[in-house]
Amino acid sequence: MTHALQTVDLNASLGGRRVLNGISLQIAAGRWTCVVGPNGAGKSSLLKALGGLLPHNGQVLWHGQPLEQLSRRERALQLSWLGQGEASTLDLRVWDVAMLGRLPHQGWLGTPSDQDTQMVKAALKATRAWDWRERTLNELSGGERQRVLLARAMAGNAPIMLMDEPLANLDPPHQVDWLEQVHCLLAQGTTVVSVLHEIAMALHADDILVMAEGRVIHHGASHETATHTAIEAVFDHRISIHALAGQWVVLPRTDQGCAAPTR
């Protein structure tokens, strides 16, 4: 098995507080790895460090090559990024936002090629944002903007895609659409790494990386009992994972009692 991403003794701090603690891991190429854990576990920090967006100690490797040895252009061609709560200039057209994903493929001051145009068109259609291509972002809802930003990331056609909370503001049908697009990316050989709060959706991934307090507690296949046990543990056993109709479902525990104040 080849590895798209690796870390060796990865450490990072934010505001003087350690957010990543000695993480060494290997993420398989061509698979979907989902990062889960409670708030403050270091999930987004890990994703940013993997993408070279967070200063860190230790080593990050892309396809075996140290990240610091890659030029900006090489990084942009190898990895697409969809961040949490990303801001874009709201007066940009949807088409222009999606075309930003093709910039690494264009020369300095170059104009979009026919391939660029086709890639952007395909990405907008895949995310069901094609009908808005002439509208500006400020005319769209939060969920619609998220779909446009996903189209921008997909248009880059990079072999690695990192997504931090990509389901934010998406209603259930469009969450299902997102899942379908992830499977399409995997079929093309793309390595996908996502941070999700939606545990039931995360269980559709190939592999799950469970985090707590800036450390990796468990890294294993999504169907393994050990993975489910680790997920339940980091959420203080307030949830439980069960098989239902061929899928994994996440249920709240019902034996925790009432924590509301009594009158």
C-alpha atoms as a PDB file:
ATOM      1  CA  MET A   1       0.000   0.000   0.000  1.00  0.00           C
ATOM      2  CA  THR A   2       1.370   3.419  -0.955  1.00  0.00           C
ATOM      3  CA  HIS A   3       0.942   6.403   1.329  1.00  0.00           C
ATOM      4  CA  ALA A   4      -0.251   9.771   0.096  1.00  0.00           C
ATOM      5  CA  LEU A   5       0.417  11.562   3.393  1.00  0.00           C
ATOM      6  CA  GLN A   6       2.703  10.799   6.308  1.00  0.00           C
ATOM      7  CA  THR A   7       3.685  12.591   9.500  1.00  0.00           C
ATOM      8  CA  VAL A   8       6.602  11.900  11.825  1.00  0.00           C
ATOM      9  CA  ASP A   9       6.472  13.253  15.403  1.00  0.00           C
ATOM     10  CA  LEU A  10       4.235  16.143  14.353  1.00  0.00           C
ATOM     11  CA  ASN A  11       3.761  18.902  16.944  1.00  0.00           C
ATOM     12  CA  ALA A  12       2.052  22.283  16.638  1.00  0.00           C
ATOM     13  CA  SER A  13       0.861  25.112  18.869  1.00  0.00           C
ATOM     14  CA  LEU A  14      -1.721  27.895  18.552  1.00  0.00           C
ATOM     15  CA  GLY A  15      -1.688  30.914  20.830  1.00  0.00           C
ATOM     16  CA  GLY A  16       0.869  29.269  23.074  1.00  0.00           C
ATOM     17  CA  ARG A  17      -1.251  26.139  23.515  1.00  0.00           C
ATOM     18  CA  ARG A  18      -0.113  22.782  22.154  1.00  0.00           C
ATOM     19  CA  VAL A  19      -2.739  21.503  19.695  1.00  0.00           C
ATOM     20  CA  LEU A  20      -0.858  18.567  18.147  1.00  0.00           C
ATOM     21  CA  ASN A  21       1.243  16.204  20.229  1.00  0.00           C
ATOM     22  CA  GLY A  22       3.780  13.903  18.608  1.00  0.00           C
ATOM     23  CA  ILE A  23       1.575  12.554  15.822  1.00  0.00           C
ATOM     24  CA  SER A  24       3.063   9.916  13.537  1.00  0.00           C
ATOM     25  CA  LEU A  25       0.680   8.449  10.974  1.00  0.00           C
ATOM     26  CA  GLN A  26       0.352   7.169   7.437  1.00  0.00           C
ATOM     27  CA  ILE A  27      -2.650   7.880   5.204  1.00  0.00           C
ATOM     28  CA  ALA A  28      -3.179   5.438   2.362  1.00  0.00           C
ATOM     29  CA  ALA A  29      -3.344   6.742  -1.191  1.00  0.00           C
ATOM     30  CA  GLY A  30      -6.620   6.470  -3.075  1.00  0.00           C
ATOM     31  CA  ARG A  31      -8.723   6.018   0.049  1.00  0.00           C
ATOM     32  CA  TRP A  32     -11.041   8.228   2.094  1.00  0.00           C
ATOM     33  CA  THR A  33      -9.807   8.880   5.614  1.00  0.00           C
ATOM     34  CA  CYS A  34     -12.131  10.732   7.979  1.00  0.00           C
ATOM     35  CA  VAL A  35     -10.909  12.513  11.116  1.00  0.00           C
ATOM     36  CA  VAL A  36     -13.335  12.557  14.052  1.00  0.00           C
ATOM     37  CA  GLY A  37     -13.233  13.543  17.698  1.00  0.00           C
ATOM     38  CA  PRO A  38     -14.714  16.009  20.202  1.00  0.00           C
ATOM     39  CA  ASN A  39     -14.365  19.773  19.962  1.00  0.00           C
ATOM     40  CA  GLY A  40     -10.801  20.879  20.650  1.00  0.00           C
ATOM     41  CA  ALA A  41      -9.318  17.498  19.763  1.00  0.00           C
ATOM     42  CA  GLY A  42      -6.993  19.019  17.129  1.00  0.00           C
ATOM     43  CA  LYS A  43      -8.806  17.775  14.023  1.00  0.00           C
ATOM     44  CA  SER A  44      -8.670  21.018  12.035  1.00  0.00           C
ATOM     45  CA  SER A  45      -5.119  21.692  13.218  1.00  0.00           C
ATOM     46  CA  LEU A  46      -4.020  18.303  11.925  1.00  0.00           C
ATOM     47  CA  LEU A  47      -5.650  18.936   8.556  1.00  0.00           C
ATOM     48  CA  LYS A  48      -3.961  22.345   8.274  1.00  0.00           C
ATOM     49  CA  ALA A  49      -0.585  20.857   9.187  1.00  0.00           C
ATOM     50  CA  LEU A  50      -1.049  18.139   6.559  1.00  0.00           C
ATOM     51  CA  GLY A  51      -1.768  20.864   4.010  1.00  0.00           C
ATOM     52  CA  GLY A  52       1.231  22.967   5.028  1.00  0.00           C
ATOM     53  CA  LEU A  53      -1.035  25.719   6.392  1.00  0.00           C
ATOM     54  CA  LEU A  54      -0.010  25.497  10.055  1.00  0.00           C
ATOM     55  CA  PRO A  55       3.563  25.992  11.350  1.00  0.00           C
ATOM     56  CA  HIS A  56       4.753  22.798  12.993  1.00  0.00           C
ATOM     57  CA  ASN A  57       7.668  20.766  14.244  1.00  0.00           C
ATOM     58  CA  GLY A  58       8.271  17.269  12.966  1.00  0.00           C
ATOM     59  CA  GLN A  59       7.832  16.113   9.409  1.00  0.00           C
ATOM     60  CA  VAL A  60       5.004  16.052   6.859  1.00  0.00           C
ATOM     61  CA  LEU A  61       5.500  14.078   3.659  1.00  0.00           C
ATOM     62  CA  TRP A  62       3.412  14.039   0.495  1.00  0.00           C
ATOM     63  CA  HIS A  63       3.907  10.831  -1.476  1.00  0.00           C
ATOM     64  CA  GLY A  64       7.134  10.306   0.434  1.00  0.00           C
ATOM     65  CA  GLN A  65       8.574  13.755  -0.276  1.00  0.00           C
ATOM     66  CA  PRO A  66       9.131  16.248   2.582  1.00  0.00           C
ATOM     67  CA  LEU A  67       6.625  19.091   2.308  1.00  0.00           C
ATOM     68  CA  GLU A  68       9.272  21.798   2.663  1.00  0.00           C
ATOM     69  CA  GLN A  69      10.994  20.546  -0.495  1.00  0.00           C
ATOM     70  CA  LEU A  70       7.946  21.218  -2.650  1.00  0.00           C
ATOM     71  CA  SER A  71       7.497  24.568  -4.380  1.00  0.00           C
ATOM     72  CA  ARG A  72       4.236  26.492  -4.062  1.00  0.00           C
ATOM     73  CA  ARG A  73       3.245  25.453  -7.562  1.00  0.00           C
ATOM     74  CA  GLU A  74       4.003  21.796  -6.841  1.00  0.00           C
ATOM     75  CA  ARG A  75       1.899  21.968  -3.691  1.00  0.00           C
ATOM     76  CA  ALA A  76      -0.991  23.616  -5.533  1.00  0.00           C
ATOM     77  CA  LEU A  77      -0.940  20.945  -8.236  1.00  0.00           C
ATOM     78  CA  GLN A  78      -0.842  18.066  -5.760  1.00  0.00           C
ATOM     79  CA  LEU A  79      -3.421  19.180  -3.207  1.00  0.00           C
ATOM     80  CA  SER A  80      -6.861  20.830  -3.179  1.00  0.00           C
ATOM     81  CA  TRP A  81      -8.141  22.449   0.003  1.00  0.00           C
ATOM     82  CA  LEU A  82     -11.648  23.171   1.279  1.00  0.00           C
ATOM     83  CA  GLY A  83     -11.417  24.951   4.615  1.00  0.00           C
ATOM     84  CA  GLN A  84     -13.898  25.493   7.385  1.00  0.00           C
ATOM     85  CA  GLY A  85     -15.895  28.716   7.044  1.00  0.00           C
ATOM     86  CA  GLU A  86     -13.820  29.879   4.092  1.00  0.00           C
ATOM     87  CA  ALA A  87     -14.407  33.421   2.954  1.00  0.00           C
ATOM     88  CA  SER A  88     -14.391  34.488  -0.673  1.00  0.00           C
ATOM     89  CA  THR A  89     -15.022  37.855  -2.214  1.00  0.00           C
ATOM     90  CA  LEU A  90     -18.799  37.965  -2.283  1.00  0.00           C
ATOM     91  CA  ASP A  91     -19.038  39.997  -5.484  1.00  0.00           C
ATOM     92  CA  LEU A  92     -17.263  37.290  -7.496  1.00  0.00           C
ATOM     93  CA  ARG A  93     -19.318  35.254  -9.936  1.00  0.00           C
ATOM     94  CA  VAL A  94     -19.790  31.590  -9.138  1.00  0.00           C
ATOM     95  CA  TRP A  95     -18.020  30.705 -12.390  1.00  0.00           C
ATOM     96  CA  ASP A  96     -14.980  32.811 -11.436  1.00  0.00           C
ATOM     97  CA  VAL A  97     -14.798  31.299  -7.948  1.00  0.00           C
ATOM     98  CA  ALA A  98     -14.784  27.786  -9.378  1.00  0.00           C
ATOM     99  CA  MET A  99     -12.173  28.795 -11.967  1.00  0.00           C
ATOM    100  CA  LEU A 100      -9.814  29.736  -9.107  1.00  0.00           C
ATOM    101  CA  GLY A 101      -9.304  26.013  -8.657  1.00  0.00           C
ATOM    102  CA  ARG A 102      -7.618  25.901 -12.078  1.00  0.00           C
ATOM    103  CA  LEU A 103      -5.036  28.632 -11.378  1.00  0.00           C
ATOM    104  CA  PRO A 104      -2.207  26.158 -10.611  1.00  0.00           C
ATOM    105  CA  HIS A 105      -2.673  24.709 -14.116  1.00  0.00           C
ATOM    106  CA  GLN A 106      -2.357  28.087 -15.841  1.00  0.00           C
ATOM    107  CA  GLY A 107       0.761  30.048 -16.692  1.00  0.00           C
ATOM    108  CA  TRP A 108       1.508  33.490 -15.290  1.00  0.00           C
ATOM    109  CA  LEU A 109      -1.264  35.807 -16.518  1.00  0.00           C
ATOM    110  CA  GLY A 110      -2.473  32.925 -18.666  1.00  0.00           C
ATOM    111  CA  THR A 111      -6.043  32.619 -19.841  1.00  0.00           C
ATOM    112  CA  PRO A 112      -8.194  29.570 -19.130  1.00  0.00           C
ATOM    113  CA  SER A 113      -7.744  26.752 -21.609  1.00  0.00           C
ATOM    114  CA  ASP A 114     -10.499  24.585 -23.025  1.00  0.00           C
ATOM    115  CA  GLN A 115      -9.549  21.943 -20.449  1.00  0.00           C
ATOM    116  CA  ASP A 116      -9.887  24.500 -17.633  1.00  0.00           C
ATOM    117  CA  THR A 117     -13.330  25.423 -18.895  1.00  0.00           C
ATOM    118  CA  GLN A 118     -14.428  21.800 -19.133  1.00  0.00           C
ATOM    119  CA  MET A 119     -13.131  20.972 -15.653  1.00  0.00           C
ATOM    120  CA  VAL A 120     -14.967  23.927 -14.088  1.00  0.00           C
ATOM    121  CA  LYS A 121     -18.161  23.103 -15.962  1.00  0.00           C
ATOM    122  CA  ALA A 122     -17.996  19.476 -14.796  1.00  0.00           C
ATOM    123  CA  ALA A 123     -17.335  20.509 -11.179  1.00  0.00           C
ATOM    124  CA  LEU A 124     -20.226  22.972 -11.080  1.00  0.00           C
ATOM    125  CA  LYS A 125     -22.580  20.393 -12.563  1.00  0.00           C
ATOM    126  CA  ALA A 126     -21.392  17.715 -10.132  1.00  0.00           C
ATOM    127  CA  THR A 127     -22.120  19.971  -7.147  1.00  0.00           C
ATOM    128  CA  ARG A 128     -25.440  21.116  -8.663  1.00  0.00           C
ATOM    129  CA  ALA A 129     -24.207  24.706  -8.822  1.00  0.00           C
ATOM    130  CA  TRP A 130     -24.216  25.063 -12.612  1.00  0.00           C
ATOM    131  CA  ASP A 131     -27.450  27.032 -12.752  1.00  0.00           C
ATOM    132  CA  TRP A 132     -25.896  29.773 -10.586  1.00  0.00           C
ATOM    133  CA  ARG A 133     -22.744  30.241 -12.649  1.00  0.00           C
ATOM    134  CA  GLU A 134     -23.579  33.858 -13.529  1.00  0.00           C
ATOM    135  CA  ARG A 135     -24.693  34.798 -10.025  1.00  0.00           C
ATOM    136  CA  THR A 136     -22.423  36.284  -7.359  1.00  0.00           C
ATOM    137  CA  LEU A 137     -21.698  34.619  -4.042  1.00  0.00           C
ATOM    138  CA  ASN A 138     -23.602  37.261  -2.100  1.00  0.00           C
ATOM    139  CA  GLU A 139     -26.775  36.117  -3.884  1.00  0.00           C
ATOM    140  CA  LEU A 140     -26.406  32.589  -2.471  1.00  0.00           C
ATOM    141  CA  SER A 141     -27.203  30.975   0.842  1.00  0.00           C
ATOM    142  CA  GLY A 142     -24.500  29.543   3.080  1.00  0.00           C
ATOM    143  CA  GLY A 143     -25.149  26.026   1.843  1.00  0.00           C
ATOM    144  CA  GLU A 144     -25.085  27.119  -1.780  1.00  0.00           C
ATOM    145  CA  ARG A 145     -21.765  28.907  -1.266  1.00  0.00           C
ATOM    146  CA  GLN A 146     -20.362  25.749   0.286  1.00  0.00           C
ATOM    147  CA  ARG A 147     -21.261  23.818  -2.849  1.00  0.00           C
ATOM    148  CA  VAL A 148     -19.498  26.422  -4.997  1.00  0.00           C
ATOM    149  CA  LEU A 149     -16.352  26.168  -2.853  1.00  0.00           C
ATOM    150  CA  LEU A 150     -16.489  22.388  -3.206  1.00  0.00           C
ATOM    151  CA  ALA A 151     -16.693  22.843  -6.986  1.00  0.00           C
ATOM    152  CA  ARG A 152     -13.600  25.067  -6.840  1.00  0.00           C
ATOM    153  CA  ALA A 153     -11.692  22.369  -4.952  1.00  0.00           C
ATOM    154  CA  MET A 154     -12.851  19.640  -7.335  1.00  0.00           C
ATOM    155  CA  ALA A 155     -11.937  21.692 -10.405  1.00  0.00           C
ATOM    156  CA  GLY A 156      -8.301  21.603  -9.327  1.00  0.00           C
ATOM    157  CA  ASN A 157      -8.258  17.851 -10.035  1.00  0.00           C
ATOM    158  CA  ALA A 158      -5.441  17.341  -7.524  1.00  0.00           C
ATOM    159  CA  PRO A 159      -4.493  13.817  -6.382  1.00  0.00           C
ATOM    160  CA  ILE A 160      -5.020  14.797  -2.723  1.00  0.00           C
ATOM    161  CA  MET A 161      -8.066  16.637  -1.364  1.00  0.00           C
ATOM    162  CA  LEU A 162      -8.360  17.914   2.208  1.00  0.00           C
ATOM    163  CA  MET A 163     -11.786  19.061   3.433  1.00  0.00           C
ATOM    164  CA  ASP A 164     -12.517  20.605   6.830  1.00  0.00           C
ATOM    165  CA  GLU A 165     -16.200  20.364   7.783  1.00  0.00           C
ATOM    166  CA  PRO A 166     -17.394  20.184   4.153  1.00  0.00           C
ATOM    167  CA  LEU A 167     -20.971  19.425   5.230  1.00  0.00           C
ATOM    168  CA  ALA A 168     -21.410  22.737   7.066  1.00  0.00           C
ATOM    169  CA  ASN A 169     -24.678  24.423   6.017  1.00  0.00           C
ATOM    170  CA  LEU A 170     -25.636  21.546   3.703  1.00  0.00           C
ATOM    171  CA  ASP A 171     -29.099  20.044   4.080  1.00  0.00           C
ATOM    172  CA  PRO A 172     -29.435  16.226   4.113  1.00  0.00           C
ATOM    173  CA  PRO A 173     -30.036  15.755   0.355  1.00  0.00           C
ATOM    174  CA  HIS A 174     -26.928  17.764  -0.474  1.00  0.00           C
ATOM    175  CA  GLN A 175     -24.946  15.877   2.148  1.00  0.00           C
ATOM    176  CA  VAL A 176     -25.846  12.751   0.201  1.00  0.00           C
ATOM    177  CA  ASP A 177     -24.754  14.509  -3.006  1.00  0.00           C
ATOM    178  CA  TRP A 178     -21.419  15.287  -1.327  1.00  0.00           C
ATOM    179  CA  LEU A 179     -20.998  11.630  -0.379  1.00  0.00           C
ATOM    180  CA  GLU A 180     -21.602  10.623  -3.995  1.00  0.00           C
ATOM    181  CA  GLN A 181     -18.953  13.094  -5.173  1.00  0.00           C
ATOM    182  CA  VAL A 182     -16.441  11.682  -2.689  1.00  0.00           C
ATOM    183  CA  HIS A 183     -17.039   8.228  -4.145  1.00  0.00           C
ATOM    184  CA  CYS A 184     -16.504   9.636  -7.644  1.00  0.00           C
ATOM    185  CA  LEU A 185     -13.212  11.189  -6.522  1.00  0.00           C
ATOM    186  CA  LEU A 186     -12.122   7.870  -5.034  1.00  0.00           C
ATOM    187  CA  ALA A 187     -12.975   6.090  -8.280  1.00  0.00           C
ATOM    188  CA  GLN A 188     -10.549   8.472 -10.021  1.00  0.00           C
ATOM    189  CA  GLY A 189      -7.789   7.579  -7.535  1.00  0.00           C
ATOM    190  CA  THR A 190      -8.019  10.752  -5.429  1.00  0.00           C
ATOM    191  CA  THR A 191      -6.948  10.578  -1.797  1.00  0.00           C
ATOM    192  CA  VAL A 192      -9.603  12.272   0.357  1.00  0.00           C
ATOM    193  CA  VAL A 193      -9.093  13.377   3.955  1.00  0.00           C
ATOM    194  CA  SER A 194     -12.026  15.056   5.685  1.00  0.00           C
ATOM    195  CA  VAL A 195     -12.873  16.338   9.131  1.00  0.00           C
ATOM    196  CA  LEU A 196     -16.499  15.615  10.008  1.00  0.00           C
ATOM    197  CA  HIS A 197     -18.707  16.094  13.055  1.00  0.00           C
ATOM    198  CA  GLU A 198     -21.385  13.894  11.485  1.00  0.00           C
ATOM    199  CA  ILE A 199     -20.248  10.502  12.798  1.00  0.00           C
ATOM    200  CA  ALA A 200     -22.830   8.549  10.806  1.00  0.00           C
ATOM    201  CA  MET A 201     -21.506  10.106   7.601  1.00  0.00           C
ATOM    202  CA  ALA A 202     -17.901   9.561   8.705  1.00  0.00           C
ATOM    203  CA  LEU A 203     -18.602   5.834   9.022  1.00  0.00           C
ATOM    204  CA  HIS A 204     -18.968   5.713   5.222  1.00  0.00           C
ATOM    205  CA  ALA A 205     -15.225   6.428   4.919  1.00  0.00           C
ATOM    206  CA  ASP A 206     -12.647   3.721   4.263  1.00  0.00           C
ATOM    207  CA  ASP A 207     -10.603   4.612   7.330  1.00  0.00           C
ATOM    208  CA  ILE A 208     -11.244   6.653  10.450  1.00  0.00           C
ATOM    209  CA  LEU A 209      -8.723   8.575  12.500  1.00  0.00           C
ATOM    210  CA  VAL A 210      -9.962   9.224  16.030  1.00  0.00           C
ATOM    211  CA  MET A 211      -8.442  12.182  17.906  1.00  0.00           C
ATOM    212  CA  ALA A 212      -8.527  13.555  21.445  1.00  0.00           C
ATOM    213  CA  GLU A 213      -6.396  16.236  23.118  1.00  0.00           C
ATOM    214  CA  GLY A 214      -4.147  16.686  20.110  1.00  0.00           C
ATOM    215  CA  ARG A 215      -3.304  13.015  19.791  1.00  0.00           C
ATOM    216  CA  VAL A 216      -4.363  10.158  17.525  1.00  0.00           C
ATOM    217  CA  ILE A 217      -6.187   7.674  19.736  1.00  0.00           C
ATOM    218  CA  HIS A 218      -7.012   5.174  16.991  1.00  0.00           C
ATOM    219  CA  HIS A 219      -6.552   4.786  13.236  1.00  0.00           C
ATOM    220  CA  GLY A 220      -8.356   1.923  11.550  1.00  0.00           C
ATOM    221  CA  ALA A 221     -10.956   0.762   9.063  1.00  0.00           C
ATOM    222  CA  SER A 222     -14.419   2.241   9.552  1.00  0.00           C
ATOM    223  CA  HIS A 223     -16.098  -1.173   9.848  1.00  0.00           C
ATOM    224  CA  GLU A 224     -13.843  -2.478  12.621  1.00  0.00           C
ATOM    225  CA  THR A 225     -15.219  -2.955  16.116  1.00  0.00           C
ATOM    226  CA  ALA A 226     -12.069  -1.368  17.568  1.00  0.00           C
ATOM    227  CA  THR A 227     -12.765   1.791  15.568  1.00  0.00           C
ATOM    228  CA  HIS A 228     -16.346   1.994  16.855  1.00  0.00           C
ATOM    229  CA  THR A 229     -15.146   1.431  20.414  1.00  0.00           C
ATOM    230  CA  ALA A 230     -12.608   4.251  20.096  1.00  0.00           C
ATOM    231  CA  ILE A 231     -15.221   6.653  18.716  1.00  0.00           C
ATOM    232  CA  GLU A 232     -17.648   5.861  21.532  1.00  0.00           C
ATOM    233  CA  ALA A 233     -14.868   6.325  24.100  1.00  0.00           C
ATOM    234  CA  VAL A 234     -13.737   9.801  22.950  1.00  0.00           C
ATOM    235  CA  PHE A 235     -17.349  10.956  23.176  1.00  0.00           C
ATOM    236  CA  ASP A 236     -17.563   9.668  26.770  1.00  0.00           C
ATOM    237  CA  HIS A 237     -19.817   6.782  25.706  1.00  0.00           C
ATOM    238  CA  ARG A 238     -22.682   9.206  25.132  1.00  0.00           C
ATOM    239  CA  ILE A 239     -23.226   7.651  21.701  1.00  0.00           C
ATOM    240  CA  SER A 240     -23.279   4.075  20.454  1.00  0.00           C
ATOM    241  CA  ILE A 241     -22.730   2.637  16.977  1.00  0.00           C
ATOM    242  CA  HIS A 242     -24.975  -0.108  15.602  1.00  0.00           C
ATOM    243  CA  ALA A 243     -25.522  -1.947  12.337  1.00  0.00           C
ATOM    244  CA  LEU A 244     -28.912  -1.334  10.724  1.00  0.00           C
ATOM    245  CA  ALA A 245     -30.046  -2.400   7.250  1.00  0.00           C
ATOM    246  CA  GLY A 246     -26.476  -2.809   6.054  1.00  0.00           C
ATOM    247  CA  GLN A 247     -25.274   0.557   7.350  1.00  0.00           C
ATOM    248  CA  TRP A 248     -23.780   1.908  10.542  1.00  0.00           C
ATOM    249  CA  VAL A 249     -25.988   4.233  12.567  1.00  0.00           C
ATOM    250  CA  VAL A 250     -25.120   6.389  15.556  1.00  0.00           C
ATOM    251  CA  LEU A 251     -27.574   6.519  18.429  1.00  0.00           C
ATOM    252  CA  PRO A 252     -27.543   8.540  21.640  1.00  0.00           C
ATOM    253  CA  ARG A 253     -27.387   6.617  24.841  1.00  0.00           C
ATOM    254  CA  THR A 254     -30.701   6.795  26.648  1.00  0.00           C
ATOM    255  CA  ASP A 255     -29.525   5.802  30.125  1.00  0.00           C
ATOM    256  CA  GLN A 256     -27.777   9.041  31.075  1.00  0.00           C
ATOM    257  CA  GLY A 257     -30.600  10.612  33.021  1.00  0.00           C
ATOM    258  CA  CYS A 258     -31.863  14.173  32.898  1.00  0.00           C
ATOM    259  CA  ALA A 259     -29.271  16.921  33.407  1.00  0.00           C
ATOM    260  CA  ALA A 260     -31.793  19.782  33.275  1.00  0.00           C
ATOM    261  CA  PRO A 261     -32.398  21.727  36.488  1.00  0.00           C
ATOM    262  CA  THR A 262     -35.576  20.784  38.293  1.00  0.00           C
ATOM    263  CA  ARG A 263     -38.218  23.325  39.173  1.00  0.00           C
END
